Amino acid sequence: MWKPDDRRYVASTWGWSSGLSSTTIDRVLDHPFTRVLVVERDPEHILGWLAIAALPSIRLLHYLYVRREARGVGVARKMIDAAWPANRSLAAPFIYTVPGPATKQLLARFSATRMHLDEALAHR
């Protein structure tokens, strides 16, 4: 689970892997509906993380990141299942806001629609 010390790692990997500015990343991470889930190899090594908007009846994914050496072994799936445990159906669509390196694989496995980040952050 997300710890305050994880924020620096999440923000830096999000920035260099997506091209988002640190100001935009801070807006997302500071939003009242944003939740971050982290999978760790141990307390000092994060394998992956995802940022979601905790909204009822909507699976809104801001971003998903998995370290290169941890890809393909179920880390992303574990985080998705933890984020939406009551809605594990692959038929349930996602909304995502920021495309990244894993977006192509995500779209191959799940039905998803892109929403502009500013539109998603307008929900309060």
Protein backbone atom coordinates (compact mmCIF):
# COMPACT_ATOMS: atom_id res chain seq x y z
CA MET A 1 0.00 0.00 0.00
CA TRP A 2 1.01 3.63 -0.54
CA LYS A 3 3.25 5.22 2.08
CA PRO A 4 4.16 8.93 2.20
CA ASP A 5 7.78 8.07 1.31
CA ASP A 6 6.60 6.41 -1.91
CA ARG A 7 5.41 9.69 -3.40
CA ARG A 8 8.86 10.76 -4.65
CA TYR A 9 9.31 7.46 -6.55
CA VAL A 10 5.78 7.55 -7.96
CA ALA A 11 6.12 11.15 -9.12
CA SER A 12 9.54 10.64 -10.70
CA THR A 13 8.66 7.44 -12.57
CA TRP A 14 5.36 8.94 -13.72
CA GLY A 15 7.11 12.04 -15.00
CA TRP A 16 9.87 10.40 -17.01
CA SER A 17 7.69 7.58 -18.37
CA SER A 18 4.77 9.78 -19.45
CA GLY A 19 6.24 13.21 -20.05
CA LEU A 20 3.83 14.87 -17.60
CA SER A 21 5.09 17.88 -15.69
CA SER A 22 5.68 17.64 -11.96
CA THR A 23 2.97 20.30 -11.47
CA THR A 24 0.39 18.13 -13.24
CA ILE A 25 1.45 15.00 -11.36
CA ASP A 26 1.16 16.87 -8.05
CA ARG A 27 -2.37 18.01 -9.03
CA VAL A 28 -3.38 14.38 -9.58
CA LEU A 29 -1.69 13.01 -6.47
CA ASP A 30 -3.16 15.79 -4.30
CA HIS A 31 -6.70 15.35 -5.66
CA PRO A 32 -9.14 14.14 -2.95
CA PHE A 33 -10.30 11.14 -5.03
CA THR A 34 -6.84 9.92 -6.05
CA ARG A 35 -5.65 6.66 -4.52
CA VAL A 36 -2.25 5.07 -5.17
CA LEU A 37 -1.59 1.36 -4.77
CA VAL A 38 1.98 0.10 -4.61
CA VAL A 39 3.40 -3.42 -4.97
CA GLU A 40 6.77 -3.89 -3.30
CA ARG A 41 9.43 -6.56 -3.55
CA ASP A 42 10.41 -5.41 -0.04
CA PRO A 43 9.90 -2.14 1.88
CA GLU A 44 12.76 -0.47 -0.01
CA HIS A 45 11.93 -1.63 -3.59
CA ILE A 46 8.72 -0.80 -5.42
CA LEU A 47 7.86 -3.14 -8.29
CA GLY A 48 4.89 -1.16 -9.56
CA TRP A 49 2.16 1.29 -8.73
CA LEU A 50 -1.13 2.56 -10.04
CA ALA A 51 -3.01 5.79 -9.49
CA ILE A 52 -6.79 5.66 -9.66
CA ALA A 53 -9.73 7.91 -8.91
CA ALA A 54 -11.87 6.40 -6.16
CA LEU A 55 -15.25 7.02 -7.75
CA PRO A 56 -18.31 4.81 -7.27
CA SER A 57 -19.24 2.72 -10.31
CA ILE A 58 -16.38 4.04 -12.49
CA ARG A 59 -13.02 2.34 -12.98
CA LEU A 60 -10.88 5.40 -13.62
CA LEU A 61 -7.19 4.68 -14.00
CA HIS A 62 -4.87 7.66 -14.09
CA TYR A 63 -1.66 5.70 -14.63
CA LEU A 64 -0.10 2.29 -14.18
CA TYR A 65 3.64 1.70 -13.89
CA VAL A 66 5.59 -1.55 -13.50
CA ARG A 67 9.39 -1.75 -13.44
CA ARG A 68 10.74 -3.33 -16.59
CA GLU A 69 12.19 -6.34 -14.73
CA ALA A 70 8.81 -7.03 -13.07
CA ARG A 71 6.68 -6.90 -16.23
CA GLY A 72 4.84 -9.96 -17.45
CA VAL A 73 4.57 -11.70 -14.07
CA GLY A 74 1.20 -10.39 -12.90
CA VAL A 75 2.16 -7.23 -11.00
CA ALA A 76 -0.24 -5.04 -12.98
CA ARG A 77 -3.03 -7.60 -12.67
CA LYS A 78 -2.50 -7.80 -8.90
CA MET A 79 -2.84 -4.02 -8.61
CA ILE A 80 -5.96 -3.88 -10.81
CA ASP A 81 -7.60 -6.65 -8.78
CA ALA A 82 -6.72 -4.83 -5.54
CA ALA A 83 -8.05 -1.52 -6.87
CA TRP A 84 -11.42 -2.95 -7.91
CA PRO A 85 -11.93 -6.24 -6.02
CA ALA A 86 -15.70 -6.25 -6.47
CA ASN A 87 -15.42 -5.71 -10.22
CA ARG A 88 -12.94 -8.26 -11.58
CA SER A 89 -14.81 -8.80 -14.82
CA LEU A 90 -12.62 -8.10 -17.83
CA ALA A 91 -15.81 -6.95 -19.58
CA ALA A 92 -16.15 -3.97 -17.22
CA PRO A 93 -14.63 -1.01 -19.06
CA PHE A 94 -11.90 1.30 -17.82
CA ILE A 95 -11.51 4.99 -18.25
CA TYR A 96 -7.88 6.08 -18.36
CA THR A 97 -6.45 9.56 -18.34
CA VAL A 98 -2.71 9.36 -19.07
CA PRO A 99 -1.32 6.97 -21.67
CA GLY A 100 2.06 5.43 -20.98
CA PRO A 101 4.30 2.55 -22.03
CA ALA A 102 1.83 -0.08 -20.73
CA THR A 103 -1.25 1.46 -22.37
CA LYS A 104 -1.05 -0.71 -25.50
CA GLN A 105 -0.98 -3.90 -23.39
CA LEU A 106 -3.75 -2.60 -21.15
CA LEU A 107 -5.97 -1.84 -24.15
CA ALA A 108 -5.31 -5.29 -25.60
CA ARG A 109 -6.64 -6.90 -22.42
CA PHE A 110 -9.37 -4.50 -21.28
CA SER A 111 -12.04 -2.34 -22.83
CA ALA A 112 -11.00 1.25 -22.12
CA THR A 113 -11.80 4.80 -23.11
CA ARG A 114 -9.55 7.80 -22.69
CA MET A 115 -10.76 10.83 -20.72
CA HIS A 116 -8.85 14.11 -20.64
CA LEU A 117 -7.05 14.51 -17.33
CA ASP A 118 -8.57 17.95 -16.63
CA GLU A 119 -12.07 16.49 -17.07
CA ALA A 120 -11.32 13.70 -14.60
CA LEU A 121 -9.88 16.11 -12.05
CA ALA A 122 -13.01 18.27 -12.24
CA HIS A 123 -14.86 15.65 -10.16
CA ARG A 124 -14.93 16.71 -6.51
